Amino acid sequence: MTLEEAKEFYFQYYGFSFHMGREEPARYDGFHSLGLGKETLSAWDEELLDGLFDELRTRRDRVWIPHGNILKVIGRKYCDVGKNLGRLLGEMEHMTDLDLFQTTLVIENMAGRTEHMKDGGVYIVCSCSGPAVRMNDVMEMLISLYGADHPADDRFSQAVSRYRSAYGTWTAHFRI
């Protein structure tokens, strides 16, 4: 596999090694055998993030997809984490046009979907000594858009509760 082929493969799966290995194991073996360094992967992740941020701004009907992918790429920590978390929060400050469903999914992305919530934006921000207070301000702004009249058992309310739990857990754990 050439370096150009490796880059194409990496971009095809947003650099997610789990998906690369599961979907195309032989190709992944070739990719993995190159032993690419952090410098190369960092440059590729920055390029991936530029494309994902463009998608975040232009695909308003499915904004949670690039939002979630941005979090996953930042979470690998090959990129400039602080810069890209700042970019993401800046974009999120302008998400006031999202409908309830999209807002709920963005909140879920931030909270995390696993039992321990280590896959969410809150964990990424807090574990990187990132802008936790700014993140919480942005999240509370998004929550306030739809937060007034929801039954406690609907998906939005559950997402909000999970976000607030994650925020409390990770800010305490990382002493933020």
C-alpha atoms as a PDB file:
ATOM      1  CA  MET A   1       0.000   0.000   0.000  1.00  0.00           C
ATOM      2  CA  THR A   2       1.350   3.416  -0.965  1.00  0.00           C
ATOM      3  CA  LEU A   3       1.128   6.456   1.281  1.00  0.00           C
ATOM      4  CA  GLU A   4      -1.540   7.941  -1.005  1.00  0.00           C
ATOM      5  CA  GLU A   5      -3.577   4.721  -0.839  1.00  0.00           C
ATOM      6  CA  ALA A   6      -3.198   4.718   2.937  1.00  0.00           C
ATOM      7  CA  LYS A   7      -4.477   8.276   3.151  1.00  0.00           C
ATOM      8  CA  GLU A   8      -7.459   7.466   0.944  1.00  0.00           C
ATOM      9  CA  PHE A   9      -8.265   4.450   3.137  1.00  0.00           C
ATOM     10  CA  TYR A  10      -7.866   6.497   6.329  1.00  0.00           C
ATOM     11  CA  PHE A  11     -10.181   9.199   5.032  1.00  0.00           C
ATOM     12  CA  GLN A  12     -12.754   6.681   3.782  1.00  0.00           C
ATOM     13  CA  TYR A  13     -13.262   5.529   7.387  1.00  0.00           C
ATOM     14  CA  TYR A  14     -12.517   8.875   9.080  1.00  0.00           C
ATOM     15  CA  GLY A  15      -9.456   7.214  10.567  1.00  0.00           C
ATOM     16  CA  PHE A  16     -11.570   4.881  12.720  1.00  0.00           C
ATOM     17  CA  SER A  17      -9.373   1.805  12.978  1.00  0.00           C
ATOM     18  CA  PHE A  18     -12.221  -0.331  14.310  1.00  0.00           C
ATOM     19  CA  HIS A  19     -14.212   0.221  11.116  1.00  0.00           C
ATOM     20  CA  MET A  20     -11.191  -0.082   8.862  1.00  0.00           C
ATOM     21  CA  GLY A  21     -10.251  -3.418  10.416  1.00  0.00           C
ATOM     22  CA  ARG A  22     -13.798  -4.761  10.495  1.00  0.00           C
ATOM     23  CA  GLU A  23     -14.837  -3.739   6.991  1.00  0.00           C
ATOM     24  CA  GLU A  24     -11.594  -4.349   5.123  1.00  0.00           C
ATOM     25  CA  PRO A  25      -9.215  -6.443   7.240  1.00  0.00           C
ATOM     26  CA  ALA A  26      -6.693  -7.172   4.466  1.00  0.00           C
ATOM     27  CA  ARG A  27      -6.495  -3.520   3.494  1.00  0.00           C
ATOM     28  CA  TYR A  28      -6.221  -2.545   7.154  1.00  0.00           C
ATOM     29  CA  ASP A  29      -3.297  -4.949   7.597  1.00  0.00           C
ATOM     30  CA  GLY A  30      -1.559  -3.192   4.712  1.00  0.00           C
ATOM     31  CA  PHE A  31      -2.325   0.199   6.239  1.00  0.00           C
ATOM     32  CA  HIS A  32      -1.166  -0.898   9.680  1.00  0.00           C
ATOM     33  CA  SER A  33       2.058  -2.381   8.300  1.00  0.00           C
ATOM     34  CA  LEU A  34       3.122   1.085   7.121  1.00  0.00           C
ATOM     35  CA  GLY A  35       3.631   2.101  10.746  1.00  0.00           C
ATOM     36  CA  LEU A  36       2.566   5.660  10.129  1.00  0.00           C
ATOM     37  CA  GLY A  37       3.795   8.121  12.729  1.00  0.00           C
ATOM     38  CA  LYS A  38       1.817  10.561  14.798  1.00  0.00           C
ATOM     39  CA  GLU A  39       3.007  13.460  12.633  1.00  0.00           C
ATOM     40  CA  THR A  40       1.369  11.968   9.530  1.00  0.00           C
ATOM     41  CA  LEU A  41      -1.820  11.010  11.363  1.00  0.00           C
ATOM     42  CA  SER A  42      -1.965  14.451  12.954  1.00  0.00           C
ATOM     43  CA  ALA A  43      -1.791  16.171   9.565  1.00  0.00           C
ATOM     44  CA  TRP A  44      -4.450  13.826   8.189  1.00  0.00           C
ATOM     45  CA  ASP A  45      -6.737  14.397  11.175  1.00  0.00           C
ATOM     46  CA  GLU A  46      -6.445  18.169  10.765  1.00  0.00           C
ATOM     47  CA  GLU A  47      -7.418  17.759   7.108  1.00  0.00           C
ATOM     48  CA  LEU A  48     -10.276  15.416   8.050  1.00  0.00           C
ATOM     49  CA  LEU A  49     -11.506  17.939  10.609  1.00  0.00           C
ATOM     50  CA  ASP A  50     -11.497  20.757   8.044  1.00  0.00           C
ATOM     51  CA  GLY A  51     -13.816  18.662   5.879  1.00  0.00           C
ATOM     52  CA  LEU A  52     -16.008  17.676   8.820  1.00  0.00           C
ATOM     53  CA  PHE A  53     -16.361  21.292   9.946  1.00  0.00           C
ATOM     54  CA  ASP A  54     -17.418  22.222   6.402  1.00  0.00           C
ATOM     55  CA  GLU A  55     -19.966  19.401   6.535  1.00  0.00           C
ATOM     56  CA  LEU A  56     -21.164  20.594   9.956  1.00  0.00           C
ATOM     57  CA  ARG A  57     -21.942  24.011   8.488  1.00  0.00           C
ATOM     58  CA  THR A  58     -23.541  22.760   5.264  1.00  0.00           C
ATOM     59  CA  ARG A  59     -25.470  19.611   6.303  1.00  0.00           C
ATOM     60  CA  ARG A  60     -27.852  21.227   8.740  1.00  0.00           C
ATOM     61  CA  ASP A  61     -30.424  18.463   8.175  1.00  0.00           C
ATOM     62  CA  ARG A  62     -28.048  15.854   9.658  1.00  0.00           C
ATOM     63  CA  VAL A  63     -25.730  17.973  11.769  1.00  0.00           C
ATOM     64  CA  TRP A  64     -25.282  15.357  14.490  1.00  0.00           C
ATOM     65  CA  ILE A  65     -23.362  13.075  12.116  1.00  0.00           C
ATOM     66  CA  PRO A  66     -20.389  15.378  11.416  1.00  0.00           C
ATOM     67  CA  HIS A  67     -20.664  16.628  15.020  1.00  0.00           C
ATOM     68  CA  GLY A  68     -20.183  13.091  16.335  1.00  0.00           C
ATOM     69  CA  ASN A  69     -17.369  12.381  13.885  1.00  0.00           C
ATOM     70  CA  ILE A  70     -15.593  15.588  14.900  1.00  0.00           C
ATOM     71  CA  LEU A  71     -15.717  14.472  18.525  1.00  0.00           C
ATOM     72  CA  LYS A  72     -14.302  11.061  17.639  1.00  0.00           C
ATOM     73  CA  VAL A  73     -11.446  12.541  15.606  1.00  0.00           C
ATOM     74  CA  ILE A  74     -10.595  15.072  18.332  1.00  0.00           C
ATOM     75  CA  GLY A  75     -10.795  12.274  20.898  1.00  0.00           C
ATOM     76  CA  ARG A  76      -7.924  10.438  19.180  1.00  0.00           C
ATOM     77  CA  LYS A  77      -5.768  13.404  20.230  1.00  0.00           C
ATOM     78  CA  TYR A  78      -3.592  13.417  17.121  1.00  0.00           C
ATOM     79  CA  CYS A  79      -4.862  16.871  16.175  1.00  0.00           C
ATOM     80  CA  ASP A  80      -4.550  20.207  17.954  1.00  0.00           C
ATOM     81  CA  VAL A  81      -7.187  19.360  20.555  1.00  0.00           C
ATOM     82  CA  GLY A  82      -7.572  22.820  22.091  1.00  0.00           C
ATOM     83  CA  LYS A  83      -7.927  24.564  18.751  1.00  0.00           C
ATOM     84  CA  ASN A  84     -10.457  22.070  17.438  1.00  0.00           C
ATOM     85  CA  LEU A  85     -12.525  21.990  20.630  1.00  0.00           C
ATOM     86  CA  GLY A  86     -12.688  25.776  20.361  1.00  0.00           C
ATOM     87  CA  ARG A  87     -13.786  25.501  16.741  1.00  0.00           C
ATOM     88  CA  LEU A  88     -16.466  22.982  17.659  1.00  0.00           C
ATOM     89  CA  LEU A  89     -17.854  25.065  20.508  1.00  0.00           C
ATOM     90  CA  GLY A  90     -17.864  28.091  18.211  1.00  0.00           C
ATOM     91  CA  GLU A  91     -19.961  26.167  15.700  1.00  0.00           C
ATOM     92  CA  MET A  92     -22.248  24.878  18.438  1.00  0.00           C
ATOM     93  CA  GLU A  93     -22.937  28.439  19.590  1.00  0.00           C
ATOM     94  CA  HIS A  94     -24.654  28.928  16.215  1.00  0.00           C
ATOM     95  CA  MET A  95     -26.817  25.790  16.374  1.00  0.00           C
ATOM     96  CA  THR A  96     -29.887  27.732  17.486  1.00  0.00           C
ATOM     97  CA  ASP A  97     -31.635  26.799  14.230  1.00  0.00           C
ATOM     98  CA  LEU A  98     -31.651  23.057  14.939  1.00  0.00           C
ATOM     99  CA  ASP A  99     -34.927  21.265  15.480  1.00  0.00           C
ATOM    100  CA  LEU A 100     -35.653  19.287  18.635  1.00  0.00           C
ATOM    101  CA  PHE A 101     -34.496  15.956  17.191  1.00  0.00           C
ATOM    102  CA  GLN A 102     -31.143  17.299  15.983  1.00  0.00           C
ATOM    103  CA  THR A 103     -30.585  19.182  19.239  1.00  0.00           C
ATOM    104  CA  THR A 104     -31.272  15.986  21.182  1.00  0.00           C
ATOM    105  CA  LEU A 105     -28.726  14.046  19.135  1.00  0.00           C
ATOM    106  CA  VAL A 106     -26.075  16.742  19.602  1.00  0.00           C
ATOM    107  CA  ILE A 107     -26.700  16.609  23.366  1.00  0.00           C
ATOM    108  CA  GLU A 108     -26.365  12.816  23.230  1.00  0.00           C
ATOM    109  CA  ASN A 109     -23.068  13.182  21.338  1.00  0.00           C
ATOM    110  CA  MET A 110     -21.798  15.438  24.079  1.00  0.00           C
ATOM    111  CA  ALA A 111     -23.007  13.225  26.938  1.00  0.00           C
ATOM    112  CA  GLY A 112     -21.750   9.970  25.467  1.00  0.00           C
ATOM    113  CA  ARG A 113     -23.673   6.823  24.734  1.00  0.00           C
ATOM    114  CA  THR A 114     -21.773   4.171  26.682  1.00  0.00           C
ATOM    115  CA  GLU A 115     -22.342   3.291  30.319  1.00  0.00           C
ATOM    116  CA  HIS A 116     -19.208   5.119  31.448  1.00  0.00           C
ATOM    117  CA  MET A 117     -19.730   8.074  29.058  1.00  0.00           C
ATOM    118  CA  LYS A 118     -16.089   8.075  27.907  1.00  0.00           C
ATOM    119  CA  ASP A 119     -17.196   8.349  24.273  1.00  0.00           C
ATOM    120  CA  GLY A 120     -18.815  11.766  24.642  1.00  0.00           C
ATOM    121  CA  GLY A 121     -17.709  15.321  24.157  1.00  0.00           C
ATOM    122  CA  VAL A 122     -17.851  16.059  27.887  1.00  0.00           C
ATOM    123  CA  TYR A 123     -15.195  13.439  28.592  1.00  0.00           C
ATOM    124  CA  ILE A 124     -13.014  14.692  25.736  1.00  0.00           C
ATOM    125  CA  VAL A 125     -13.222  18.302  26.921  1.00  0.00           C
ATOM    126  CA  CYS A 126     -12.616  17.468  30.581  1.00  0.00           C
ATOM    127  CA  SER A 127      -9.847  14.914  29.978  1.00  0.00           C
ATOM    128  CA  CYS A 128      -7.931  17.397  27.840  1.00  0.00           C
ATOM    129  CA  SER A 129      -8.243  20.257  30.327  1.00  0.00           C
ATOM    130  CA  GLY A 130     -10.404  21.863  27.696  1.00  0.00           C
ATOM    131  CA  PRO A 131     -12.901  24.693  27.940  1.00  0.00           C
ATOM    132  CA  ALA A 132     -15.392  22.924  30.245  1.00  0.00           C
ATOM    133  CA  VAL A 133     -17.135  26.091  31.460  1.00  0.00           C
ATOM    134  CA  ARG A 134     -17.582  27.375  27.911  1.00  0.00           C
ATOM    135  CA  MET A 135     -18.858  23.959  26.842  1.00  0.00           C
ATOM    136  CA  ASN A 136     -21.406  23.957  29.646  1.00  0.00           C
ATOM    137  CA  ASP A 137     -22.556  27.473  28.742  1.00  0.00           C
ATOM    138  CA  VAL A 138     -23.060  26.396  25.123  1.00  0.00           C
ATOM    139  CA  MET A 139     -24.855  23.212  26.147  1.00  0.00           C
ATOM    140  CA  GLU A 140     -27.170  25.016  28.552  1.00  0.00           C
ATOM    141  CA  MET A 141     -27.993  27.483  25.759  1.00  0.00           C
ATOM    142  CA  LEU A 142     -28.915  24.581  23.464  1.00  0.00           C
ATOM    143  CA  ILE A 143     -30.915  22.907  26.229  1.00  0.00           C
ATOM    144  CA  SER A 144     -32.821  26.119  26.916  1.00  0.00           C
ATOM    145  CA  LEU A 145     -34.086  26.188  23.334  1.00  0.00           C
ATOM    146  CA  TYR A 146     -36.410  23.245  24.022  1.00  0.00           C
ATOM    147  CA  GLY A 147     -36.073  22.532  27.733  1.00  0.00           C
ATOM    148  CA  ALA A 148     -39.248  24.013  29.176  1.00  0.00           C
ATOM    149  CA  ASP A 149     -42.052  21.526  28.601  1.00  0.00           C
ATOM    150  CA  HIS A 150     -40.780  17.995  28.247  1.00  0.00           C
ATOM    151  CA  PRO A 151     -41.890  14.942  30.158  1.00  0.00           C
ATOM    152  CA  ALA A 152     -39.063  13.394  32.175  1.00  0.00           C
ATOM    153  CA  ASP A 153     -39.132  10.180  30.172  1.00  0.00           C
ATOM    154  CA  ASP A 154     -38.823  11.588  26.656  1.00  0.00           C
ATOM    155  CA  ARG A 155     -35.570  11.333  24.703  1.00  0.00           C
ATOM    156  CA  PHE A 156     -34.692  15.039  24.990  1.00  0.00           C
ATOM    157  CA  SER A 157     -35.093  15.043  28.778  1.00  0.00           C
ATOM    158  CA  GLN A 158     -33.089  11.843  29.070  1.00  0.00           C
ATOM    159  CA  ALA A 159     -30.311  13.332  26.928  1.00  0.00           C
ATOM    160  CA  VAL A 160     -30.244  16.469  29.075  1.00  0.00           C
ATOM    161  CA  SER A 161     -30.114  14.404  32.253  1.00  0.00           C
ATOM    162  CA  ARG A 162     -27.313  12.261  30.853  1.00  0.00           C
ATOM    163  CA  TYR A 163     -25.360  15.352  29.731  1.00  0.00           C
ATOM    164  CA  ARG A 164     -25.650  16.951  33.164  1.00  0.00           C
ATOM    165  CA  SER A 165     -24.613  13.696  34.818  1.00  0.00           C
ATOM    166  CA  ALA A 166     -21.581  13.401  32.522  1.00  0.00           C
ATOM    167  CA  TYR A 167     -20.642  17.015  33.174  1.00  0.00           C
ATOM    168  CA  GLY A 168     -20.858  16.527  36.926  1.00  0.00           C
ATOM    169  CA  THR A 169     -18.947  13.252  36.802  1.00  0.00           C
ATOM    170  CA  TRP A 170     -16.091  14.399  34.590  1.00  0.00           C
ATOM    171  CA  THR A 171     -15.618  17.895  36.021  1.00  0.00           C
ATOM    172  CA  ALA A 172     -15.364  16.316  39.496  1.00  0.00           C
ATOM    173  CA  HIS A 173     -13.058  13.523  38.289  1.00  0.00           C
ATOM    174  CA  PHE A 174     -10.689  15.885  36.516  1.00  0.00           C
ATOM    175  CA  ARG A 175     -11.137  18.587  39.210  1.00  0.00           C
ATOM    176  CA  ILE A 176     -12.312  21.269  36.827  1.00  0.00           C
END
